[in-house]
Amino acid sequence: MDLLTDLKHLLPGLGHRPRYELSGTVALVTGAADGIGLAVAHALRRRGAKVAAVDIDADKLAATASGRPETLPIAADVRDRAAMNQAVESTVAHFGHLDIVIANAGITPPPATVRSIHPEAFDNVIDVNLTGAFNTIHPALDHIIAARGHVVVVASCAAFSPGAGGAAYMISKAGAEQLGRALRLELAPHGASATTAYFGIVDTQLTHTALDNDPLGPSLEASLPAPFRHRITADDAARTIVDGIERRAARTIAPAIWQTYALTRGIINPAIDHYLASHPDLHRLITDIETRSLKTPPATDRPHTEETS
């Protein structure tokens, strides 16, 4: 490949593909009972798609799907590989085909350092946010290829942000980013495509739990420059995802302030890390996080019905 002559194929938005018509498609969405996943399901239905809505919370899922014949509710845990295999099979059996998969289910753990996090809690974050995305996508790929369809991996701007106090989440989202990038390349020869979705702070219940209701949350949020603290709604995030599917975009990023950071992170991140490593406010925050988390018993069974960043 000549990188200069083929640059338009390498940079997002410069190449052109025909619009992917969503009307009549079938999409499987995880984390669909609340937050971004629920908003994505609504957005897809408004554009004519049918939805297999997957979530661990069976009661909430049933309530959101009630009275919607174009929605198939499936109670399943993305950590359970057999359950996700069955979810794909049930979707195809019910609707006749599967065109789109959106791996959205995720959890945000309480603040903890690498030193202080309970290993069980670390495993749970990876199991839901990264392995859960694989478990969602892998059994669907033959159907996606047959339909020349599309996959969305919901990563996060946390994939390339400073990780102090939240390394488990950042690691899981960096892995999800690479999963999305690999799928983009591996599906291309088959005429299918993939998007990696990145969000800053999304105003969902998980955000309220992680930032607003946690005494350490404001300090964590304050570690971001003020423009990056702007919150978008779940509907904003869903619209970004669904618009990206229609464009078969390689990636989507919202809010827009994060786009420049994403493109220049290789230059910016070393400077940010150097600055934060010597900043007394971060030193105090790390001390506070470790003081609390080293005294707190593990809690691994947190719900994963939505995605935050």
Protein backbone atom coordinates (compact mmCIF):
# COMPACT_ATOMS: atom_id res chain seq x y z
CA MET A 1 0.00 0.00 0.00
CA ASP A 2 1.25 3.47 -0.92
CA LEU A 3 0.42 5.47 2.21
CA LEU A 4 0.44 8.80 0.38
CA THR A 5 -1.80 7.89 -2.51
CA ASP A 6 -4.13 5.82 -0.31
CA LEU A 7 -4.30 8.32 2.57
CA LYS A 8 -8.00 8.89 2.00
CA HIS A 9 -8.63 5.25 2.91
CA LEU A 10 -6.65 5.55 6.15
CA LEU A 11 -8.09 8.72 7.69
CA PRO A 12 -11.65 8.65 9.07
CA GLY A 13 -14.14 10.58 7.00
CA LEU A 14 -11.98 11.01 3.88
CA GLY A 15 -13.06 7.84 2.13
CA HIS A 16 -16.65 7.47 0.89
CA ARG A 17 -18.98 4.51 1.23
CA PRO A 18 -22.65 4.35 0.31
CA ARG A 19 -25.05 5.10 3.16
CA TYR A 20 -26.08 2.00 5.09
CA GLU A 21 -29.88 1.91 5.09
CA LEU A 22 -31.10 0.83 8.53
CA SER A 23 -34.75 0.26 7.66
CA GLY A 24 -35.42 -3.48 7.73
CA THR A 25 -32.20 -4.39 9.51
CA VAL A 26 -31.95 -6.37 12.74
CA ALA A 27 -29.61 -5.13 15.46
CA LEU A 28 -28.50 -6.79 18.69
CA VAL A 29 -27.70 -4.27 21.44
CA THR A 30 -26.23 -5.13 24.84
CA GLY A 31 -26.76 -3.05 27.95
CA ALA A 32 -30.13 -2.19 26.42
CA ALA A 33 -32.27 -1.70 29.55
CA ASP A 34 -30.88 1.70 30.46
CA GLY A 35 -28.55 4.53 29.50
CA ILE A 36 -26.84 4.52 26.13
CA GLY A 37 -28.04 1.05 25.18
CA LEU A 38 -31.70 1.93 25.72
CA ALA A 39 -31.27 5.17 23.78
CA VAL A 40 -29.57 3.29 20.91
CA ALA A 41 -32.45 0.81 20.77
CA HIS A 42 -34.93 3.71 20.52
CA ALA A 43 -32.86 5.44 17.83
CA LEU A 44 -32.57 2.28 15.75
CA ARG A 45 -36.30 1.63 15.91
CA ARG A 46 -37.02 5.20 14.81
CA ARG A 47 -34.95 4.51 11.69
CA GLY A 48 -36.81 1.32 10.89
CA ALA A 49 -34.63 -1.36 12.48
CA LYS A 50 -35.75 -4.24 14.67
CA VAL A 51 -33.86 -4.74 17.91
CA ALA A 52 -32.76 -7.67 20.04
CA ALA A 53 -32.32 -5.92 23.39
CA VAL A 54 -29.91 -7.77 25.69
CA ASP A 55 -29.38 -6.95 29.34
CA ILE A 56 -28.63 -8.65 32.65
CA ASP A 57 -31.60 -6.89 34.31
CA ALA A 58 -34.54 -8.99 33.12
CA ASP A 59 -37.26 -6.96 34.86
CA LYS A 60 -36.11 -3.58 33.60
CA LEU A 61 -35.55 -5.03 30.13
CA ALA A 62 -39.07 -6.47 30.00
CA ALA A 63 -40.53 -3.12 31.03
CA THR A 64 -38.68 -1.19 28.33
CA ALA A 65 -39.61 -3.73 25.63
CA SER A 66 -43.26 -4.09 26.63
CA GLY A 67 -45.68 -3.39 23.79
CA ARG A 68 -42.94 -3.23 21.17
CA PRO A 69 -43.29 -6.10 18.68
CA GLU A 70 -40.18 -4.85 16.87
CA THR A 71 -38.13 -5.56 20.02
CA LEU A 72 -37.01 -8.95 21.32
CA PRO A 73 -35.95 -8.76 24.99
CA ILE A 74 -33.19 -11.23 25.92
CA ALA A 75 -32.02 -11.51 29.52
CA ALA A 76 -28.35 -12.49 29.41
CA ASP A 77 -25.04 -11.71 31.08
CA VAL A 78 -22.30 -10.72 28.64
CA ARG A 79 -19.80 -12.52 30.86
CA ASP A 80 -21.58 -15.80 30.06
CA ARG A 81 -20.29 -17.02 26.69
CA ALA A 82 -22.93 -19.72 26.30
CA ALA A 83 -25.70 -17.23 27.09
CA MET A 84 -24.43 -14.82 24.45
CA ASN A 85 -24.21 -17.61 21.89
CA GLN A 86 -27.84 -18.37 22.68
CA ALA A 87 -28.77 -14.68 22.44
CA VAL A 88 -27.48 -14.56 18.88
CA GLU A 89 -29.27 -17.81 17.98
CA SER A 90 -32.52 -16.52 19.50
CA THR A 91 -32.25 -13.28 17.55
CA VAL A 92 -31.81 -15.07 14.23
CA ALA A 93 -34.57 -17.56 15.03
CA HIS A 94 -36.99 -14.75 15.90
CA PHE A 95 -36.22 -12.20 13.18
CA GLY A 96 -34.70 -14.43 10.49
CA HIS A 97 -31.37 -12.62 10.23
CA LEU A 98 -28.89 -10.41 12.08
CA ASP A 99 -27.24 -7.38 10.48
CA ILE A 100 -25.80 -5.21 13.26
CA VAL A 101 -24.23 -5.87 16.66
CA ILE A 102 -23.58 -3.12 19.20
CA ALA A 103 -21.37 -4.22 22.11
CA ASN A 104 -22.31 -1.55 24.64
CA ALA A 105 -22.67 -3.22 28.05
CA GLY A 106 -20.14 -1.90 30.53
CA ILE A 107 -19.45 -1.08 34.16
CA THR A 108 -17.58 1.71 35.88
CA PRO A 109 -15.93 0.51 39.10
CA PRO A 110 -15.36 2.66 42.19
CA PRO A 111 -12.08 4.62 42.16
CA ALA A 112 -9.07 2.43 42.94
CA THR A 113 -5.39 2.35 42.10
CA VAL A 114 -3.62 -0.67 40.65
CA ARG A 115 -2.21 -1.26 44.12
CA SER A 116 -5.50 -0.99 45.98
CA ILE A 117 -8.06 -2.55 43.64
CA HIS A 118 -9.37 -5.95 44.68
CA PRO A 119 -8.31 -8.52 42.05
CA GLU A 120 -11.89 -9.79 41.83
CA ALA A 121 -13.09 -6.28 41.00
CA PHE A 122 -10.39 -5.90 38.34
CA ASP A 123 -11.39 -9.22 36.78
CA ASN A 124 -15.04 -8.20 36.73
CA VAL A 125 -14.34 -4.96 34.86
CA ILE A 126 -12.31 -6.81 32.23
CA ASP A 127 -14.90 -9.61 32.03
CA VAL A 128 -17.76 -7.18 31.34
CA ASN A 129 -16.13 -4.38 29.35
CA LEU A 130 -13.67 -6.35 27.23
CA THR A 131 -14.38 -10.09 27.32
CA GLY A 132 -18.10 -9.30 27.33
CA ALA A 133 -17.68 -7.35 24.09
CA PHE A 134 -15.89 -10.33 22.55
CA ASN A 135 -18.59 -12.71 23.79
CA THR A 136 -21.21 -10.48 22.18
CA ILE A 137 -19.52 -10.07 18.82
CA HIS A 138 -17.81 -13.40 18.17
CA PRO A 139 -20.91 -15.63 17.77
CA ALA A 140 -22.53 -13.03 15.51
CA LEU A 141 -19.74 -12.56 12.99
CA ASP A 142 -20.83 -15.17 10.46
CA HIS A 143 -24.25 -13.50 10.36
CA ILE A 144 -22.70 -10.04 10.07
CA ILE A 145 -20.53 -11.18 7.18
CA ALA A 146 -23.45 -12.88 5.41
CA ALA A 147 -25.45 -9.66 5.69
CA ARG A 148 -22.50 -7.37 4.85
CA GLY A 149 -23.50 -5.74 8.09
CA HIS A 150 -21.86 -3.72 10.82
CA VAL A 151 -20.39 -4.02 14.33
CA VAL A 152 -20.06 -1.24 16.90
CA VAL A 153 -17.67 -1.55 19.83
CA VAL A 154 -18.39 1.07 22.48
CA ALA A 155 -14.96 2.01 23.78
CA SER A 156 -14.40 5.34 25.55
CA CYS A 157 -12.19 8.39 25.54
CA ALA A 158 -10.89 6.74 28.70
CA ALA A 159 -9.00 4.42 26.34
CA PHE A 160 -6.43 7.18 25.80
CA SER A 161 -6.89 9.36 28.91
CA PRO A 162 -4.73 9.40 32.06
CA GLY A 163 -5.51 6.27 34.04
CA ALA A 164 -4.66 7.15 37.64
CA GLY A 165 -7.42 6.03 39.98
CA GLY A 166 -9.28 4.12 37.30
CA ALA A 167 -6.77 1.87 35.58
CA ALA A 168 -9.08 -1.15 35.37
CA TYR A 169 -11.64 0.81 33.39
CA MET A 170 -9.02 2.48 31.19
CA ILE A 171 -7.37 -0.86 30.46
CA SER A 172 -10.70 -2.45 29.54
CA LYS A 173 -11.54 0.40 27.17
CA ALA A 174 -8.11 0.43 25.57
CA GLY A 175 -8.66 -3.25 24.85
CA ALA A 176 -12.13 -2.53 23.46
CA GLU A 177 -10.60 0.10 21.19
CA GLN A 178 -8.19 -2.45 19.73
CA LEU A 179 -11.02 -4.95 19.32
CA GLY A 180 -12.92 -2.41 17.24
CA ARG A 181 -9.88 -1.52 15.16
CA ALA A 182 -9.11 -5.17 14.45
CA LEU A 183 -12.70 -5.83 13.41
CA ARG A 184 -12.62 -2.86 11.04
CA LEU A 185 -9.74 -4.44 9.13
CA GLU A 186 -10.85 -8.06 9.40
CA LEU A 187 -14.41 -7.43 8.20
CA ALA A 188 -13.40 -5.28 5.23
CA PRO A 189 -12.56 -8.19 2.87
CA HIS A 190 -16.07 -9.54 3.49
CA GLY A 191 -17.86 -6.30 2.67
CA ALA A 192 -18.84 -5.72 6.31
CA SER A 193 -17.61 -2.94 8.60
CA ALA A 194 -17.05 -1.85 12.20
CA THR A 195 -17.09 1.34 14.24
CA THR A 196 -15.26 2.10 17.46
CA ALA A 197 -17.30 4.60 19.49
CA TYR A 198 -15.62 6.95 21.94
CA PHE A 199 -17.41 9.14 24.47
CA GLY A 200 -16.32 11.59 27.10
CA ILE A 201 -18.68 11.91 30.07
CA VAL A 202 -22.21 10.70 29.35
CA ASP A 203 -24.94 11.81 31.74
CA THR A 204 -26.29 8.43 32.86
CA GLN A 205 -27.02 6.72 36.15
CA LEU A 206 -23.56 5.14 36.12
CA THR A 207 -22.04 8.60 35.84
CA HIS A 208 -24.10 9.78 38.78
CA THR A 209 -22.92 6.77 40.79
CA ALA A 210 -19.26 7.09 39.80
CA LEU A 211 -18.83 10.87 39.86
CA ASP A 212 -21.75 12.63 41.50
CA ASN A 213 -22.59 10.31 44.39
CA ASP A 214 -19.03 9.22 45.23
CA PRO A 215 -17.18 11.59 47.60
CA LEU A 216 -14.06 11.20 45.47
CA GLY A 217 -15.93 11.73 42.20
CA PRO A 218 -15.60 15.53 42.02
CA SER A 219 -11.83 15.30 42.51
CA LEU A 220 -11.56 12.71 39.75
CA GLU A 221 -13.66 14.83 37.41
CA ALA A 222 -11.61 17.92 38.28
CA SER A 223 -8.48 16.14 37.03
CA LEU A 224 -9.83 16.75 33.52
CA PRO A 225 -9.47 20.22 31.98
CA ALA A 226 -12.79 22.07 32.21
CA PRO A 227 -13.77 21.75 28.50
CA PHE A 228 -13.50 17.96 28.74
CA ARG A 229 -15.96 17.80 31.64
CA HIS A 230 -18.88 18.71 29.39
CA ARG A 231 -21.52 15.99 29.59
CA ILE A 232 -23.59 14.70 26.74
CA THR A 233 -26.91 12.90 27.11
CA ALA A 234 -27.52 9.24 26.37
CA ASP A 235 -29.60 10.38 23.39
CA ASP A 236 -26.63 12.38 22.09
CA ALA A 237 -24.43 9.29 22.38
CA ALA A 238 -27.03 7.10 20.69
CA ARG A 239 -27.44 9.52 17.80
CA THR A 240 -23.67 9.56 17.34
CA ILE A 241 -23.57 5.75 17.22
CA VAL A 242 -26.49 5.35 14.82
CA ASP A 243 -25.28 8.11 12.51
CA GLY A 244 -21.91 6.34 12.49
CA ILE A 245 -23.53 3.06 11.50
CA GLU A 246 -25.30 4.72 8.58
CA ARG A 247 -21.97 6.17 7.42
CA ARG A 248 -20.10 2.93 8.21
CA ALA A 249 -17.68 5.21 10.05
CA ALA A 250 -14.42 3.79 11.35
CA ARG A 251 -14.90 5.71 14.57
CA THR A 252 -17.19 8.20 16.25
CA ILE A 253 -16.19 10.61 19.02
CA ALA A 254 -18.42 12.80 21.18
CA PRO A 255 -18.41 15.48 22.40
CA ALA A 256 -16.38 17.16 19.67
CA ILE A 257 -13.77 18.58 22.10
CA TRP A 258 -12.31 15.07 22.38
CA GLN A 259 -11.62 14.73 18.65
CA THR A 260 -8.47 16.86 18.64
CA TYR A 261 -7.17 15.05 21.71
CA ALA A 262 -7.83 11.68 20.05
CA LEU A 263 -5.90 12.68 16.93
CA THR A 264 -2.91 14.11 18.82
CA ARG A 265 -2.76 11.83 21.86
CA GLY A 266 0.66 10.49 20.95
CA ILE A 267 2.04 13.99 21.41
CA ILE A 268 -0.19 15.23 24.22
CA ASN A 269 -0.23 12.24 26.57
CA PRO A 270 3.48 12.23 27.51
CA ALA A 271 3.18 15.90 28.51
CA ILE A 272 -0.02 15.27 30.48
CA ASP A 273 1.49 12.31 32.31
CA HIS A 274 4.59 14.33 33.18
CA TYR A 275 2.48 17.19 34.49
CA LEU A 276 0.15 15.00 36.56
CA ALA A 277 2.95 12.88 38.02
CA SER A 278 4.35 15.95 39.76
CA HIS A 279 1.06 17.61 40.70
CA PRO A 280 0.26 17.71 44.45
CA ASP A 281 -3.51 17.55 43.85
CA LEU A 282 -3.11 14.20 42.10
CA HIS A 283 -0.85 12.97 44.89
CA ARG A 284 -3.55 13.81 47.43
CA LEU A 285 -6.24 12.16 45.32
CA ILE A 286 -4.26 8.93 45.00
CA THR A 287 -3.69 8.90 48.76
CA ASP A 288 -7.41 9.40 49.39
CA ILE A 289 -8.37 6.67 46.91
CA GLU A 290 -5.96 4.16 48.40
CA THR A 291 -6.92 4.99 51.98
CA ARG A 292 -10.55 4.25 51.19
CA SER A 293 -10.28 1.35 48.76
CA LEU A 294 -7.80 -0.63 50.84
CA LYS A 295 -10.42 -0.67 53.61
CA THR A 296 -13.38 -1.56 51.37
CA PRO A 297 -14.43 -5.18 50.70
CA PRO A 298 -14.76 -6.21 47.05
CA ALA A 299 -18.10 -5.78 45.29
CA THR A 300 -17.96 -7.55 41.94
CA ASP A 301 -21.61 -7.99 40.98
CA ARG A 302 -22.35 -4.44 39.88
CA PRO A 303 -25.04 -4.01 37.19
CA HIS A 304 -23.88 -3.42 33.64
CA THR A 305 -26.81 -1.92 31.80
CA GLU A 306 -25.13 1.10 30.29
CA GLU A 307 -21.85 2.62 29.26
CA THR A 308 -20.06 5.68 30.57
CA SER A 309 -16.71 7.25 29.93
